[in-house]
Amino acid sequence: MGLVGFHRAFLRSIFKRVHAFPLDHHGIVSKVLFMKYISTRGDIDPVGFKQAVMMGLARDGGLLLPEAIPDVTERLQEWASLSYTELAFEVMNLFTDLPENDLKAVIEKSYSTFRDDEITPLVEVGGVHILELFHGPTLAFKDLALQFLGNLFEYILEEEDQYMNIIGATSGDTGSAAIYGVRGMERIKIFVMHPDGLVSPVQKAQMTSVLDDNVFNLAVDGTFDDCQAILKELFNDLEFKDKHSLGSINSINWARILAQIVYYFYAGLQAMKKSGSETVRFSVPTGNFGDIFAGYIASRMGLPVSKLILATNENDILARFFNSGRYYMDSVNATISPSMDIQIASNFERYLYYWLGEDSAKLKVLMEKFAETGDIAVELGGKDSVDSLFTAGSGDAQATLATIKQFYTDYSYLLDPHTAVGVYVGLQDKGDDPLICLSTAHPAKFGGAIKDALGQDKAYHPVLAALSGLPMHCESLPNSVSAVREYVEQRVD
């Protein structure tokens, strides 16, 4: 076979699509400078990582994905001993085109703001592994992605001597995490829409108490889905997007998914190492499908995941899909887990692309039908679910409050309402391998739900207590694309 032939055969055993990982003249993998990104809709030329980050939403209206997904099965044992930031580098380095030292610097800077040395500690509570993702600046899992994305934006803008205007939509935690990720940055202005009156008081305070000159908070008279629709329409207006250098911090931006993949490997490898199990399950509170999609990509990369348990609240469009094959819009219900009060999950298109065998033509037909009717369906193919990797369920307010009370009473551990939904649905699955439930926010962010569950106010965090009495600023706007467009145009450079 010869040395070069041996190397090539070995590499093919590691990478499912080796052409994405260029070989040098010795047959050795070179730095993945050439990983390209494609659109789910198939109508753009492949782009590099930095271009994909700055583009956000693909110019054909689709979502960007890597052209190939690496198989890292042979590296899992090595990765199990890494720190969080070391693991983040190993995962991200497969997908980015940054020089390695620069990528390491961005990662170190991004996670230096976290309050726990482990970044995402895994805590065993009552037989469940709780993955605490709330130790960042705004006490929500969105910090894991948005601290990284903010610093990544700053790095790229400085390198290219450019400026950016970010427009985002939030159902609660994304807004504050994005704002804290870019506040005070000279090359960035950020405009964040939230549904007026439909985020928690603490979430609103976290956003609107940031008074930096580059931050603009917009309370839109509508739902989160309305805010997200305005966002997509503005990004699909390519003339407007190009003229004002629009950037996206919502999970339509691939860099957010990339950052979230890391903690699936970190938690999964820890849990398997401690338990001796060869597989692991994840239960994920789900609204916009971004967080659980990161787990799906981790599974495709080789993390041995036996189940991805999709947990929704009363807004159960995603649970309905995975159980029936039908994806259809309904009215949005306001719940005690408001960050999941969503009907149109923007990352769902990425999953459909893979489910359809990476067939962009079929995907476009489905998405066009959904845009017209709000209702699409796929065949189960004789199976009792859409995808055997996924189990889906929902937890209503009564189940959520009962789970909060149970875990506090039995284990003196407080769950926020979103995490409680994930724990409740996760416990319905009767697998034998370790169950990891993603804890998406500190309970103090949802003090009202905690008080309803326990009959007393037990939710506290000094960071949130410090918000009391701070000056706040927010603009109210109608549910109108033109109103948001005009507001932005009057304030960009």
Protein backbone atom coordinates (compact mmCIF):
# COMPACT_ATOMS: atom_id res chain seq x y z
CA MET A 1 0.00 0.00 0.00
CA GLY A 2 2.83 2.38 0.81
CA LEU A 3 2.97 5.11 3.45
CA VAL A 4 0.77 7.61 1.58
CA GLY A 5 -1.81 4.93 0.83
CA PHE A 6 -1.85 3.86 4.47
CA HIS A 7 -2.41 7.43 5.65
CA ARG A 8 -5.25 7.95 3.19
CA ALA A 9 -6.99 4.71 4.22
CA PHE A 10 -6.61 5.67 7.87
CA LEU A 11 -8.03 9.12 7.28
CA ARG A 12 -11.04 7.72 5.48
CA SER A 13 -11.78 5.64 8.57
CA ILE A 14 -11.86 8.84 10.62
CA PHE A 15 -13.70 11.21 8.30
CA LYS A 16 -16.97 10.34 6.63
CA ARG A 17 -16.34 12.76 3.80
CA VAL A 18 -12.58 13.06 3.63
CA HIS A 19 -12.58 15.53 0.72
CA ALA A 20 -13.48 18.29 3.17
CA PHE A 21 -10.23 17.67 5.06
CA PRO A 22 -7.38 18.39 2.62
CA LEU A 23 -4.23 16.27 2.64
CA ASP A 24 -0.74 17.64 2.18
CA HIS A 25 1.75 15.94 -0.16
CA HIS A 26 2.57 13.40 2.59
CA GLY A 27 -1.06 12.34 2.84
CA ILE A 28 -1.50 14.04 6.24
CA VAL A 29 -4.50 16.20 7.12
CA SER A 30 -3.61 19.86 6.92
CA LYS A 31 -5.38 22.55 8.95
CA VAL A 32 -9.03 22.65 7.87
CA LEU A 33 -8.73 25.98 6.11
CA PHE A 34 -11.02 24.84 3.36
CA MET A 35 -14.13 23.73 5.20
CA LYS A 36 -16.92 25.27 3.16
CA TYR A 37 -20.49 26.14 4.06
CA ILE A 38 -23.55 25.56 1.90
CA SER A 39 -27.18 26.62 2.11
CA THR A 40 -30.03 24.25 2.88
CA ARG A 41 -31.78 25.78 -0.16
CA GLY A 42 -28.81 24.99 -2.44
CA ASP A 43 -28.70 28.29 -4.33
CA ILE A 44 -25.43 29.86 -3.18
CA ASP A 45 -21.83 28.98 -3.93
CA PRO A 46 -19.99 27.41 -0.97
CA VAL A 47 -18.44 30.00 1.39
CA GLY A 48 -15.72 29.93 4.03
CA PHE A 49 -16.33 29.97 7.78
CA LYS A 50 -15.75 33.70 8.34
CA GLN A 51 -18.01 34.57 5.42
CA ALA A 52 -20.66 32.21 6.80
CA VAL A 53 -20.49 33.88 10.21
CA MET A 54 -20.90 37.33 8.74
CA MET A 55 -23.66 36.24 6.35
CA GLY A 56 -25.85 34.73 9.10
CA LEU A 57 -28.87 33.81 7.01
CA ALA A 58 -27.88 32.45 3.61
CA ARG A 59 -28.52 34.83 0.72
CA ASP A 60 -31.00 32.42 -0.85
CA GLY A 61 -33.12 32.44 2.33
CA GLY A 62 -31.79 29.10 3.58
CA LEU A 63 -29.62 28.24 6.55
CA LEU A 64 -25.90 27.59 6.35
CA LEU A 65 -24.37 24.21 7.17
CA PRO A 66 -20.87 22.75 6.83
CA GLU A 67 -20.32 20.97 3.54
CA ALA A 68 -19.15 17.90 5.48
CA ILE A 69 -19.42 16.66 9.05
CA PRO A 70 -16.25 15.09 10.49
CA ASP A 71 -16.38 11.72 12.22
CA VAL A 72 -14.37 12.08 15.44
CA THR A 73 -15.09 8.63 16.87
CA GLU A 74 -11.40 7.78 17.10
CA ARG A 75 -10.70 10.91 19.15
CA LEU A 76 -13.32 10.53 21.89
CA GLN A 77 -11.04 8.80 24.37
CA GLU A 78 -8.48 11.59 24.02
CA TRP A 79 -11.14 14.28 24.28
CA ALA A 80 -12.57 12.83 27.52
CA SER A 81 -9.59 14.19 29.50
CA LEU A 82 -9.68 17.76 28.13
CA SER A 83 -10.80 20.90 29.91
CA TYR A 84 -13.78 22.75 28.49
CA THR A 85 -11.72 25.33 26.62
CA GLU A 86 -9.32 22.68 25.32
CA LEU A 87 -12.26 20.65 24.02
CA ALA A 88 -13.86 23.76 22.51
CA PHE A 89 -10.70 24.34 20.49
CA GLU A 90 -10.58 20.74 19.24
CA VAL A 91 -14.21 20.80 18.12
CA MET A 92 -14.23 24.29 16.63
CA ASN A 93 -10.90 23.86 14.90
CA LEU A 94 -12.53 21.27 12.63
CA PHE A 95 -14.99 23.84 11.30
CA THR A 96 -13.22 27.22 11.26
CA ASP A 97 -10.65 28.97 9.11
CA LEU A 98 -9.03 30.98 11.90
CA PRO A 99 -5.32 30.47 12.63
CA GLU A 100 -5.09 28.10 15.58
CA ASN A 101 -3.55 30.61 18.00
CA ASP A 102 -6.21 33.19 17.13
CA LEU A 103 -9.01 30.65 17.64
CA LYS A 104 -7.56 29.69 21.03
CA ALA A 105 -7.43 33.35 22.03
CA VAL A 106 -11.07 33.94 21.04
CA ILE A 107 -12.15 30.85 23.00
CA GLU A 108 -10.17 31.80 26.12
CA LYS A 109 -11.54 35.34 26.05
CA SER A 110 -15.11 34.12 25.58
CA TYR A 111 -15.17 31.72 28.52
CA SER A 112 -13.06 33.81 30.91
CA THR A 113 -16.31 35.57 31.88
CA PHE A 114 -17.90 32.41 33.35
CA ARG A 115 -18.32 32.02 37.10
CA ASP A 116 -17.49 28.31 37.34
CA ASP A 117 -14.05 26.94 36.53
CA GLU A 118 -15.61 24.01 34.67
CA ILE A 119 -17.69 26.42 32.53
CA THR A 120 -20.52 23.84 32.27
CA PRO A 121 -20.42 21.64 35.39
CA LEU A 122 -22.31 18.33 35.35
CA VAL A 123 -24.15 17.77 38.64
CA GLU A 124 -25.86 14.49 39.58
CA VAL A 125 -29.22 15.09 41.24
CA GLY A 126 -31.57 12.23 42.04
CA GLY A 127 -30.13 9.96 39.37
CA VAL A 128 -30.27 12.68 36.71
CA HIS A 129 -27.18 14.48 35.43
CA ILE A 130 -27.96 18.20 35.33
CA LEU A 131 -25.73 20.05 32.86
CA GLU A 132 -25.55 23.56 34.31
CA LEU A 133 -25.28 25.95 31.38
CA PHE A 134 -26.08 29.12 33.34
CA HIS A 135 -22.73 30.24 34.74
CA GLY A 136 -22.11 32.93 32.12
CA PRO A 137 -22.66 36.70 32.40
CA THR A 138 -26.47 36.60 31.94
CA LEU A 139 -27.09 33.29 33.72
CA ALA A 140 -28.45 31.52 30.62
CA PHE A 141 -27.17 28.86 28.23
CA LYS A 142 -27.17 31.42 25.42
CA ASP A 143 -23.96 32.85 26.93
CA LEU A 144 -22.02 29.77 25.79
CA ALA A 145 -22.65 30.68 22.16
CA LEU A 146 -23.03 34.44 22.29
CA GLN A 147 -19.88 35.26 24.24
CA PHE A 148 -18.03 33.30 21.56
CA LEU A 149 -19.97 34.86 18.68
CA GLY A 150 -19.48 38.42 19.99
CA ASN A 151 -15.73 37.97 20.25
CA LEU A 152 -15.66 36.23 16.88
CA PHE A 153 -17.47 39.17 15.27
CA GLU A 154 -15.01 41.59 16.84
CA TYR A 155 -12.04 39.53 15.60
CA ILE A 156 -13.33 39.36 12.01
CA LEU A 157 -14.36 43.04 11.88
CA GLU A 158 -10.99 44.22 13.12
CA GLU A 159 -9.18 41.94 10.68
CA GLU A 160 -11.21 43.28 7.75
CA ASP A 161 -11.58 46.87 9.04
CA GLN A 162 -15.37 46.64 8.78
CA TYR A 163 -18.43 47.59 10.83
CA MET A 164 -21.63 45.66 11.52
CA ASN A 165 -25.23 46.28 12.55
CA ILE A 166 -26.71 43.27 14.34
CA ILE A 167 -30.46 42.70 14.31
CA GLY A 168 -31.81 40.02 16.60
CA ALA A 169 -35.07 38.63 17.94
CA THR A 170 -35.46 37.09 21.38
CA SER A 171 -38.00 35.18 23.38
CA GLY A 172 -36.07 36.12 26.50
CA ASP A 173 -32.49 34.97 27.05
CA THR A 174 -30.93 35.43 23.61
CA GLY A 175 -31.36 39.19 23.77
CA SER A 176 -29.51 39.81 27.02
CA ALA A 177 -26.79 37.27 26.17
CA ALA A 178 -26.23 38.90 22.76
CA ILE A 179 -26.19 42.38 24.25
CA TYR A 180 -23.66 41.36 26.90
CA GLY A 181 -21.62 39.70 24.17
CA VAL A 182 -21.13 42.89 22.13
CA ARG A 183 -21.85 45.82 24.48
CA GLY A 184 -19.37 48.64 24.10
CA MET A 185 -17.78 47.21 20.95
CA GLU A 186 -16.81 50.09 18.65
CA ARG A 187 -17.47 48.29 15.37
CA ILE A 188 -20.91 46.88 16.25
CA LYS A 189 -24.39 48.25 16.86
CA ILE A 190 -27.04 45.82 18.08
CA PHE A 191 -30.83 46.07 17.72
CA VAL A 192 -32.77 43.44 19.69
CA MET A 193 -36.52 42.88 19.28
CA HIS A 194 -38.53 41.18 22.02
CA PRO A 195 -42.30 40.54 22.23
CA ASP A 196 -43.71 43.32 24.40
CA GLY A 197 -44.96 41.94 27.72
CA LEU A 198 -44.06 38.33 26.87
CA VAL A 199 -40.61 38.04 28.42
CA SER A 200 -40.01 37.78 32.15
CA PRO A 201 -39.40 41.00 34.13
CA VAL A 202 -35.85 39.86 34.90
CA GLN A 203 -35.14 39.09 31.23
CA LYS A 204 -36.39 42.51 30.22
CA ALA A 205 -34.38 44.20 32.95
CA GLN A 206 -31.20 42.44 31.87
CA MET A 207 -31.64 43.74 28.32
CA THR A 208 -32.91 47.24 28.92
CA SER A 209 -30.53 48.16 31.74
CA VAL A 210 -27.58 48.03 29.32
CA LEU A 211 -27.23 51.66 28.27
CA ASP A 212 -24.12 51.46 26.08
CA ASP A 213 -24.37 53.68 23.01
CA ASN A 214 -24.24 50.68 20.65
CA VAL A 215 -27.27 48.90 22.20
CA PHE A 216 -30.92 49.37 21.13
CA ASN A 217 -33.82 47.46 22.71
CA LEU A 218 -37.11 47.22 20.80
CA ALA A 219 -40.36 46.01 22.38
CA VAL A 220 -42.52 44.81 19.47
CA ASP A 221 -46.30 44.59 19.79
CA GLY A 222 -46.54 40.89 18.91
CA THR A 223 -45.17 37.43 19.65
CA PHE A 224 -41.65 36.09 19.33
CA ASP A 225 -42.67 34.49 16.04
CA ASP A 226 -43.65 37.97 14.81
CA CYS A 227 -40.23 39.30 15.81
CA GLN A 228 -38.54 36.40 14.07
CA ALA A 229 -40.61 36.97 10.91
CA ILE A 230 -39.54 40.64 10.84
CA LEU A 231 -35.93 39.55 11.29
CA LYS A 232 -36.06 37.10 8.38
CA GLU A 233 -37.77 39.60 6.09
CA LEU A 234 -35.10 42.20 6.78
CA PHE A 235 -32.34 39.68 6.08
CA ASN A 236 -34.04 38.53 2.90
CA ASP A 237 -34.04 42.14 1.68
CA LEU A 238 -30.52 41.78 0.28
CA GLU A 239 -30.22 45.43 -0.72
CA PHE A 240 -31.04 46.53 2.84
CA LYS A 241 -28.82 43.81 4.32
CA ASP A 242 -25.81 44.79 2.21
CA LYS A 243 -26.30 48.54 2.57
CA HIS A 244 -26.30 48.37 6.37
CA SER A 245 -23.93 45.39 6.88
CA LEU A 246 -26.48 43.37 8.81
CA GLY A 247 -25.29 40.55 11.05
CA SER A 248 -27.25 37.92 12.94
CA ILE A 249 -26.90 36.72 16.52
CA ASN A 250 -29.91 34.40 16.38
CA SER A 251 -29.34 30.68 16.10
CA ILE A 252 -29.68 30.94 12.34
CA ASN A 253 -25.97 31.84 12.64
CA TRP A 254 -23.95 28.63 12.35
CA ALA A 255 -21.31 29.85 14.83
CA ARG A 256 -23.91 29.61 17.60
CA ILE A 257 -24.62 25.98 16.79
CA LEU A 258 -20.89 25.29 16.65
CA ALA A 259 -20.35 26.66 20.15
CA GLN A 260 -23.21 24.57 21.50
CA ILE A 261 -21.90 21.31 20.04
CA VAL A 262 -19.00 21.55 22.49
CA TYR A 263 -20.98 21.02 25.67
CA TYR A 264 -22.66 17.90 24.33
CA PHE A 265 -19.23 16.29 23.94
CA TYR A 266 -18.06 17.67 27.29
CA ALA A 267 -21.05 16.35 29.24
CA GLY A 268 -21.50 13.13 27.31
CA LEU A 269 -17.88 12.07 27.66
CA GLN A 270 -17.88 12.90 31.39
CA ALA A 271 -21.09 10.97 32.07
CA MET A 272 -19.91 7.90 30.15
CA LYS A 273 -16.52 7.97 31.84
CA LYS A 274 -18.09 8.11 35.32
CA SER A 275 -20.77 5.50 34.67
CA GLY A 276 -18.91 3.11 32.40
CA SER A 277 -21.75 3.34 29.92
CA GLU A 278 -21.07 3.28 26.20
CA THR A 279 -23.97 5.59 25.33
CA VAL A 280 -25.77 8.58 26.80
CA ARG A 281 -29.15 10.29 26.56
CA PHE A 282 -29.83 14.04 26.48
CA SER A 283 -33.09 15.75 27.41
CA VAL A 284 -33.30 19.24 25.96
CA PRO A 285 -35.89 21.98 26.68
CA THR A 286 -36.66 23.06 23.16
CA GLY A 287 -38.22 26.10 21.50
CA ASN A 288 -36.25 27.20 18.45
CA PHE A 289 -34.58 23.81 17.85
CA GLY A 290 -31.06 25.29 17.92
CA ASP A 291 -29.87 23.69 21.16
CA ILE A 292 -31.07 20.19 20.36
CA PHE A 293 -29.84 20.52 16.77
CA ALA A 294 -26.33 21.00 18.17
CA GLY A 295 -26.79 17.66 19.92
CA TYR A 296 -27.91 16.13 16.65
CA ILE A 297 -24.71 17.33 14.96
CA ALA A 298 -22.63 15.98 17.88
CA SER A 299 -24.30 12.62 17.32
CA ARG A 300 -23.52 12.73 13.60
CA MET A 301 -19.91 13.48 14.49
CA GLY A 302 -19.68 10.28 16.50
CA LEU A 303 -20.75 11.08 20.07
CA PRO A 304 -22.61 7.89 21.09
CA VAL A 305 -26.05 9.34 21.82
CA SER A 306 -28.81 6.76 22.23
CA LYS A 307 -31.62 9.31 22.52
CA LEU A 308 -32.20 13.01 22.03
CA ILE A 309 -35.25 13.73 24.13
CA LEU A 310 -37.03 16.81 22.82
CA ALA A 311 -38.99 18.56 25.58
CA THR A 312 -41.54 21.28 24.86
CA ASN A 313 -44.08 23.15 26.94
CA GLU A 314 -47.67 23.71 25.82
CA ASN A 315 -46.31 25.15 22.55
CA ASP A 316 -45.59 21.67 21.28
CA ILE A 317 -45.24 22.02 17.50
CA LEU A 318 -41.91 20.16 17.54
CA ALA A 319 -43.13 17.32 19.77
CA ARG A 320 -46.14 16.90 17.50
CA PHE A 321 -43.88 16.65 14.48
CA PHE A 322 -41.58 13.97 15.84
CA ASN A 323 -44.54 11.93 17.10
CA SER A 324 -46.78 12.28 14.05
CA GLY A 325 -44.77 13.59 11.10
CA ARG A 326 -46.97 16.67 10.85
CA TYR A 327 -45.52 20.16 11.42
CA TYR A 328 -48.21 22.79 11.66
CA MET A 329 -48.66 26.17 13.26
CA ASP A 330 -51.04 26.84 16.11
CA SER A 331 -51.59 29.85 18.33
CA VAL A 332 -48.79 30.74 20.74
CA ASN A 333 -49.65 30.16 24.39
CA ALA A 334 -48.01 32.31 27.06
CA THR A 335 -46.48 29.96 29.66
CA ILE A 336 -44.28 29.94 32.74
CA SER A 337 -41.37 28.85 30.48
CA PRO A 338 -41.55 31.83 28.08
CA SER A 339 -38.32 31.19 26.18
CA MET A 340 -40.05 28.15 24.65
CA ASP A 341 -43.22 29.99 23.63
CA ILE A 342 -42.52 29.52 19.93
CA GLN A 343 -44.40 27.99 17.02
CA ILE A 344 -41.94 28.46 14.14
CA ALA A 345 -38.58 26.93 15.06
CA SER A 346 -36.01 28.59 12.83
CA ASN A 347 -33.42 25.77 13.08
CA PHE A 348 -35.92 23.09 12.11
CA GLU A 349 -35.03 23.65 8.44
CA ARG A 350 -31.48 22.47 9.12
CA TYR A 351 -32.77 19.19 10.52
CA LEU A 352 -35.22 18.70 7.65
CA TYR A 353 -32.36 19.12 5.20
CA TYR A 354 -30.59 16.10 6.68
CA TRP A 355 -33.81 14.12 7.13
CA LEU A 356 -34.50 14.59 3.41
CA GLY A 357 -31.11 13.16 2.52
CA GLU A 358 -29.53 16.61 1.93
CA ASP A 359 -31.92 17.19 -0.97
CA SER A 360 -32.28 20.97 -1.30
CA ALA A 361 -34.95 20.71 -4.00
CA LYS A 362 -37.25 18.65 -1.77
CA LEU A 363 -36.56 20.96 1.15
CA LYS A 364 -37.49 24.08 -0.83
CA VAL A 365 -40.82 22.52 -1.80
CA LEU A 366 -41.62 21.77 1.84
CA MET A 367 -40.55 25.17 3.13
CA GLU A 368 -42.48 27.00 0.42
CA LYS A 369 -45.57 24.97 1.29
CA PHE A 370 -45.13 25.76 4.99
CA ALA A 371 -44.77 29.48 4.21
CA GLU A 372 -48.04 29.34 2.28
CA THR A 373 -50.14 27.06 4.50
CA GLY A 374 -48.41 26.78 7.87
CA ASP A 375 -48.77 23.01 7.60
CA ILE A 376 -46.49 20.30 6.19
CA ALA A 377 -46.14 16.56 6.75
CA VAL A 378 -43.60 13.84 6.12
CA GLU A 379 -44.09 10.09 5.87
CA LEU A 380 -43.18 7.99 8.89
CA GLY A 381 -42.22 5.17 6.54
CA GLY A 382 -43.83 2.45 8.61
CA LYS A 383 -42.08 3.58 11.80
CA ASP A 384 -43.86 4.91 14.87
CA SER A 385 -41.84 8.14 14.82
CA VAL A 386 -40.07 10.43 12.38
CA ASP A 387 -36.57 9.63 13.64
CA SER A 388 -35.53 6.82 15.98
CA LEU A 389 -32.85 9.05 17.53
CA PHE A 390 -35.53 11.42 18.86
CA THR A 391 -38.13 10.96 21.57
CA ALA A 392 -40.47 13.91 22.07
CA GLY A 393 -42.86 14.98 24.79
CA SER A 394 -44.30 18.04 26.50
CA GLY A 395 -44.75 19.28 30.03
CA ASP A 396 -47.51 21.72 30.93
CA ALA A 397 -47.49 24.25 33.76
CA GLN A 398 -48.79 21.75 36.32
CA ALA A 399 -46.08 19.21 35.48
CA THR A 400 -43.43 21.92 35.44
CA LEU A 401 -44.32 23.27 38.87
CA ALA A 402 -44.60 19.77 40.32
CA THR A 403 -41.12 18.90 39.04
CA ILE A 404 -39.63 22.07 40.52
CA LYS A 405 -41.23 21.25 43.87
CA GLN A 406 -40.15 17.59 43.79
CA PHE A 407 -36.49 18.35 43.11
CA TYR A 408 -36.37 21.05 45.74
CA THR A 409 -38.16 18.97 48.37
CA ASP A 410 -36.27 15.74 47.71
CA TYR A 411 -32.82 17.03 46.76
CA SER A 412 -32.69 20.72 47.80
CA TYR A 413 -31.99 21.58 44.15
CA LEU A 414 -33.78 24.39 42.31
CA LEU A 415 -34.74 23.97 38.67
CA ASP A 416 -35.83 26.88 36.50
CA PRO A 417 -39.13 26.20 34.65
CA HIS A 418 -37.45 25.45 31.29
CA THR A 419 -35.08 22.94 32.86
CA ALA A 420 -38.00 21.45 34.78
CA VAL A 421 -39.77 20.76 31.48
CA GLY A 422 -36.65 18.96 30.26
CA VAL A 423 -36.35 16.93 33.46
CA TYR A 424 -40.05 16.01 33.47
CA VAL A 425 -40.04 14.81 29.87
CA GLY A 426 -36.63 13.19 30.25
CA LEU A 427 -37.80 11.07 33.17
CA GLN A 428 -40.57 9.63 31.02
CA ASP A 429 -37.89 7.90 28.93
CA LYS A 430 -36.94 4.56 30.48
CA GLY A 431 -33.48 4.02 29.03
CA ASP A 432 -30.69 2.56 31.15
CA ASP A 433 -27.83 4.79 30.07
CA PRO A 434 -27.04 8.11 31.79
CA LEU A 435 -29.69 10.82 31.38
CA ILE A 436 -28.27 14.32 30.98
CA CYS A 437 -30.78 17.16 31.27
CA LEU A 438 -29.67 20.52 29.96
CA SER A 439 -30.24 23.24 32.54
CA THR A 440 -30.75 26.32 30.43
CA ALA A 441 -31.10 29.14 32.95
CA HIS A 442 -30.53 29.99 36.59
CA PRO A 443 -33.83 29.67 38.53
CA ALA A 444 -33.53 33.23 39.82
CA LYS A 445 -34.41 34.44 36.31
CA PHE A 446 -37.91 33.05 36.82
CA GLY A 447 -38.68 33.88 40.43
CA GLY A 448 -42.43 33.99 39.83
CA ALA A 449 -42.55 30.36 38.72
CA ILE A 450 -40.33 29.29 41.63
CA LYS A 451 -42.63 31.03 44.08
CA ASP A 452 -45.69 29.41 42.49
CA ALA A 453 -44.06 25.99 42.79
CA LEU A 454 -42.76 26.30 46.34
CA GLY A 455 -45.08 28.83 47.91
CA GLN A 456 -42.10 30.94 48.87
CA ASP A 457 -39.45 33.03 47.16
CA LYS A 458 -36.32 30.85 47.03
CA ALA A 459 -34.82 32.07 43.77
CA TYR A 460 -31.95 34.52 44.22
CA HIS A 461 -28.76 35.53 42.48
CA PRO A 462 -26.71 38.65 43.32
CA VAL A 463 -26.25 39.54 39.64
CA LEU A 464 -30.02 39.80 39.23
CA ALA A 465 -30.57 41.50 42.56
CA ALA A 466 -28.19 44.21 41.40
CA LEU A 467 -30.58 45.09 38.55
CA SER A 468 -33.09 46.59 40.97
CA GLY A 469 -33.31 50.35 40.64
CA LEU A 470 -31.08 50.58 37.57
CA PRO A 471 -32.14 53.01 34.83
CA MET A 472 -33.57 51.24 31.79
CA HIS A 473 -34.28 52.20 28.20
CA CYS A 474 -36.47 50.54 25.59
CA GLU A 475 -38.40 51.69 22.50
CA SER A 476 -41.91 50.39 21.74
CA LEU A 477 -42.64 49.62 18.09
CA PRO A 478 -45.65 48.21 16.22
CA ASN A 479 -45.57 44.72 14.73
CA SER A 480 -44.32 46.04 11.41
CA VAL A 481 -41.32 45.34 9.20
CA SER A 482 -41.35 48.91 7.92
CA ALA A 483 -41.33 50.34 11.45
CA VAL A 484 -38.29 48.29 12.45
CA ARG A 485 -36.54 49.03 9.14
CA GLU A 486 -37.07 52.76 9.59
CA TYR A 487 -35.87 52.66 13.20
CA VAL A 488 -32.67 50.88 12.20
CA GLU A 489 -32.00 53.15 9.21
CA GLN A 490 -32.20 56.26 11.38
CA ARG A 491 -29.53 54.95 13.76
CA VAL A 492 -26.94 53.15 11.68
CA ASP A 493 -23.82 54.89 10.44
